Amino acid sequence: MDKKILLVDDAAFMRMLIRDTLTKNGFTNILEAADGEIACQMYEAENPDLVVMDITMPNKTGIEALAEIKAKNPAAKVIMCSAMGQEAMVVEAIKLGALDFIVKPFKPDRILQTVTKILG
């Protein structure tokens, strides 16, 4: 599958976990960013089909990056990731246009199911 996916998380381990799940299931065009600031720059440069983004990150939060990405491209497809107990931020992300959210710790089948659903 040549859908381009941007993974955004300040934890390299989390990006690796998602990348492994996706590549094992045929998604090979995967980009990575370590914070919301880099994510916004990469989104503009690469125009990915999907962004999978953590909420809590340094430099620019996932909420701030989501708002900036959606302002530039209202059709952007973004899935947010959050730890348990971040319900208020998840609600804000959905209001800003996130299509779904995945709760950490991740279950590989949940990641794959959500990505597949959104990318069709």
C-alpha atoms as a PDB file:
ATOM      1  CA  MET A   1       0.000   0.000   0.000  1.00  0.00           C
ATOM      2  CA  ASP A   2       1.447   3.353  -0.889  1.00  0.00           C
ATOM      3  CA  LYS A   3      -0.631   5.479   1.468  1.00  0.00           C
ATOM      4  CA  LYS A   4       1.713   7.921   3.220  1.00  0.00           C
ATOM      5  CA  ILE A   5       1.364   7.926   7.017  1.00  0.00           C
ATOM      6  CA  LEU A   6       3.009  10.399   9.396  1.00  0.00           C
ATOM      7  CA  LEU A   7       3.602   9.087  12.940  1.00  0.00           C
ATOM      8  CA  VAL A   8       4.048  11.814  15.554  1.00  0.00           C
ATOM      9  CA  ASP A   9       5.144  10.987  19.102  1.00  0.00           C
ATOM     10  CA  ASP A  10       7.972  12.263  21.287  1.00  0.00           C
ATOM     11  CA  ALA A  11       8.629   8.671  22.393  1.00  0.00           C
ATOM     12  CA  ALA A  12      10.679   6.829  19.758  1.00  0.00           C
ATOM     13  CA  PHE A  13       9.481   3.531  21.258  1.00  0.00           C
ATOM     14  CA  MET A  14       5.829   4.436  20.556  1.00  0.00           C
ATOM     15  CA  ARG A  15       6.618   5.419  16.971  1.00  0.00           C
ATOM     16  CA  MET A  16       8.465   2.116  16.521  1.00  0.00           C
ATOM     17  CA  LEU A  17       5.519   0.150  17.951  1.00  0.00           C
ATOM     18  CA  ILE A  18       3.051   1.771  15.525  1.00  0.00           C
ATOM     19  CA  ARG A  19       5.480   1.550  12.588  1.00  0.00           C
ATOM     20  CA  ASP A  20       6.020  -2.187  13.203  1.00  0.00           C
ATOM     21  CA  THR A  21       2.275  -2.847  13.363  1.00  0.00           C
ATOM     22  CA  LEU A  22       1.629  -0.933  10.141  1.00  0.00           C
ATOM     23  CA  THR A  23       4.569  -2.316   8.140  1.00  0.00           C
ATOM     24  CA  LYS A  24       3.649  -5.899   9.081  1.00  0.00           C
ATOM     25  CA  ASN A  25       0.256  -5.182   7.515  1.00  0.00           C
ATOM     26  CA  GLY A  26       1.432  -3.690   4.232  1.00  0.00           C
ATOM     27  CA  PHE A  27       1.806   0.014   5.035  1.00  0.00           C
ATOM     28  CA  THR A  28       5.359   0.871   3.981  1.00  0.00           C
ATOM     29  CA  ASN A  29       5.386   4.618   3.280  1.00  0.00           C
ATOM     30  CA  ILE A  30       5.795   5.835   6.870  1.00  0.00           C
ATOM     31  CA  LEU A  31       7.288   9.121   8.058  1.00  0.00           C
ATOM     32  CA  GLU A  32       8.096  10.058  11.656  1.00  0.00           C
ATOM     33  CA  ALA A  33       8.194  13.277  13.681  1.00  0.00           C
ATOM     34  CA  ALA A  34       9.212  13.675  17.329  1.00  0.00           C
ATOM     35  CA  ASP A  35       6.987  16.668  18.175  1.00  0.00           C
ATOM     36  CA  GLY A  36       4.125  18.821  16.943  1.00  0.00           C
ATOM     37  CA  GLU A  37       6.397  21.505  15.493  1.00  0.00           C
ATOM     38  CA  ILE A  38       8.213  19.008  13.253  1.00  0.00           C
ATOM     39  CA  ALA A  39       4.870  17.361  12.428  1.00  0.00           C
ATOM     40  CA  CYS A  40       3.458  20.625  11.050  1.00  0.00           C
ATOM     41  CA  GLN A  41       6.570  21.182   8.917  1.00  0.00           C
ATOM     42  CA  MET A  42       6.514  17.608   7.629  1.00  0.00           C
ATOM     43  CA  TYR A  43       2.779  17.738   6.948  1.00  0.00           C
ATOM     44  CA  GLU A  44       3.252  20.764   4.724  1.00  0.00           C
ATOM     45  CA  ALA A  45       6.268  19.276   2.922  1.00  0.00           C
ATOM     46  CA  GLU A  46       4.999  15.699   2.530  1.00  0.00           C
ATOM     47  CA  ASN A  47       1.174  15.968   2.469  1.00  0.00           C
ATOM     48  CA  PRO A  48       0.590  12.536   4.072  1.00  0.00           C
ATOM     49  CA  ASP A  49      -2.681  10.645   3.635  1.00  0.00           C
ATOM     50  CA  LEU A  50      -2.954  10.156   7.399  1.00  0.00           C
ATOM     51  CA  VAL A  51      -1.397  11.524  10.593  1.00  0.00           C
ATOM     52  CA  VAL A  52      -1.275   9.439  13.793  1.00  0.00           C
ATOM     53  CA  MET A  53      -0.367  11.921  16.541  1.00  0.00           C
ATOM     54  CA  ASP A  54       0.222  11.869  20.278  1.00  0.00           C
ATOM     55  CA  ILE A  55      -1.536  14.580  22.308  1.00  0.00           C
ATOM     56  CA  THR A  56       1.182  15.316  24.880  1.00  0.00           C
ATOM     57  CA  MET A  57       4.495  16.429  23.318  1.00  0.00           C
ATOM     58  CA  PRO A  58       7.139  19.127  23.784  1.00  0.00           C
ATOM     59  CA  ASN A  59       7.493  22.263  21.579  1.00  0.00           C
ATOM     60  CA  LYS A  60       3.951  22.009  20.194  1.00  0.00           C
ATOM     61  CA  THR A  61       1.277  19.709  21.590  1.00  0.00           C
ATOM     62  CA  GLY A  62      -0.729  17.371  19.441  1.00  0.00           C
ATOM     63  CA  ILE A  63      -3.765  19.618  19.959  1.00  0.00           C
ATOM     64  CA  GLU A  64      -1.843  22.689  18.707  1.00  0.00           C
ATOM     65  CA  ALA A  65      -0.417  20.752  15.764  1.00  0.00           C
ATOM     66  CA  LEU A  66      -3.859  19.340  14.906  1.00  0.00           C
ATOM     67  CA  ALA A  67      -5.345  22.857  14.865  1.00  0.00           C
ATOM     68  CA  GLU A  68      -2.526  24.114  12.619  1.00  0.00           C
ATOM     69  CA  ILE A  69      -2.756  21.166  10.211  1.00  0.00           C
ATOM     70  CA  LYS A  70      -6.565  21.446   9.966  1.00  0.00           C
ATOM     71  CA  ALA A  71      -6.292  25.220   9.382  1.00  0.00           C
ATOM     72  CA  LYS A  72      -4.017  24.556   6.396  1.00  0.00           C
ATOM     73  CA  ASN A  73      -5.961  21.539   5.138  1.00  0.00           C
ATOM     74  CA  PRO A  74      -9.501  21.063   6.515  1.00  0.00           C
ATOM     75  CA  ALA A  75      -9.622  17.635   4.814  1.00  0.00           C
ATOM     76  CA  ALA A  76      -6.541  16.351   6.683  1.00  0.00           C
ATOM     77  CA  LYS A  77      -7.053  12.902   8.225  1.00  0.00           C
ATOM     78  CA  VAL A  78      -5.727  12.798  11.787  1.00  0.00           C
ATOM     79  CA  ILE A  79      -5.959  10.119  14.481  1.00  0.00           C
ATOM     80  CA  MET A  80      -4.969  11.229  17.977  1.00  0.00           C
ATOM     81  CA  CYS A  81      -3.268   9.056  20.603  1.00  0.00           C
ATOM     82  CA  SER A  82      -3.712   9.648  24.297  1.00  0.00           C
ATOM     83  CA  ALA A  83      -2.983   8.094  27.638  1.00  0.00           C
ATOM     84  CA  MET A  84      -5.832   7.164  29.936  1.00  0.00           C
ATOM     85  CA  GLY A  85      -7.178  10.180  31.801  1.00  0.00           C
ATOM     86  CA  GLN A  86      -6.850  12.670  28.936  1.00  0.00           C
ATOM     87  CA  GLU A  87     -10.552  12.649  28.085  1.00  0.00           C
ATOM     88  CA  ALA A  88     -10.876  16.454  28.005  1.00  0.00           C
ATOM     89  CA  MET A  89      -8.059  16.714  25.465  1.00  0.00           C
ATOM     90  CA  VAL A  90      -9.537  13.895  23.393  1.00  0.00           C
ATOM     91  CA  VAL A  91     -12.876  15.745  23.265  1.00  0.00           C
ATOM     92  CA  GLU A  92     -11.049  18.939  22.209  1.00  0.00           C
ATOM     93  CA  ALA A  93      -9.177  17.015  19.489  1.00  0.00           C
ATOM     94  CA  ILE A  94     -12.435  15.589  18.106  1.00  0.00           C
ATOM     95  CA  LYS A  95     -13.950  19.103  18.077  1.00  0.00           C
ATOM     96  CA  LEU A  96     -10.902  20.315  16.139  1.00  0.00           C
ATOM     97  CA  GLY A  97     -11.443  17.631  13.543  1.00  0.00           C
ATOM     98  CA  ALA A  98      -9.566  14.506  14.628  1.00  0.00           C
ATOM     99  CA  LEU A  99     -11.311  11.502  13.083  1.00  0.00           C
ATOM    100  CA  ASP A 100     -10.601   9.051  15.899  1.00  0.00           C
ATOM    101  CA  PHE A 101      -8.366   8.401  18.871  1.00  0.00           C
ATOM    102  CA  ILE A 102      -6.385   5.458  20.172  1.00  0.00           C
ATOM    103  CA  VAL A 103      -5.731   5.021  23.887  1.00  0.00           C
ATOM    104  CA  LYS A 104      -2.260   4.071  25.125  1.00  0.00           C
ATOM    105  CA  PRO A 105      -1.025   1.480  25.775  1.00  0.00           C
ATOM    106  CA  PHE A 106      -1.725   0.476  22.184  1.00  0.00           C
ATOM    107  CA  LYS A 107      -3.199  -2.784  21.074  1.00  0.00           C
ATOM    108  CA  PRO A 108      -1.827  -3.562  17.593  1.00  0.00           C
ATOM    109  CA  ASP A 109      -5.219  -4.681  16.257  1.00  0.00           C
ATOM    110  CA  ARG A 110      -6.814  -1.397  17.391  1.00  0.00           C
ATOM    111  CA  ILE A 111      -4.146   0.635  15.558  1.00  0.00           C
ATOM    112  CA  LEU A 112      -4.590  -1.392  12.384  1.00  0.00           C
ATOM    113  CA  GLN A 113      -8.399  -1.349  12.569  1.00  0.00           C
ATOM    114  CA  THR A 114      -8.490   2.453  13.006  1.00  0.00           C
ATOM    115  CA  VAL A 115      -5.932   3.200  10.263  1.00  0.00           C
ATOM    116  CA  THR A 116      -7.620   0.813   7.821  1.00  0.00           C
ATOM    117  CA  LYS A 117     -11.068   2.274   8.550  1.00  0.00           C
ATOM    118  CA  ILE A 118      -9.931   5.838   7.875  1.00  0.00           C
ATOM    119  CA  LEU A 119      -7.819   5.093   4.809  1.00  0.00           C
ATOM    120  CA  GLY A 120     -10.588   2.953   3.351  1.00  0.00           C
END
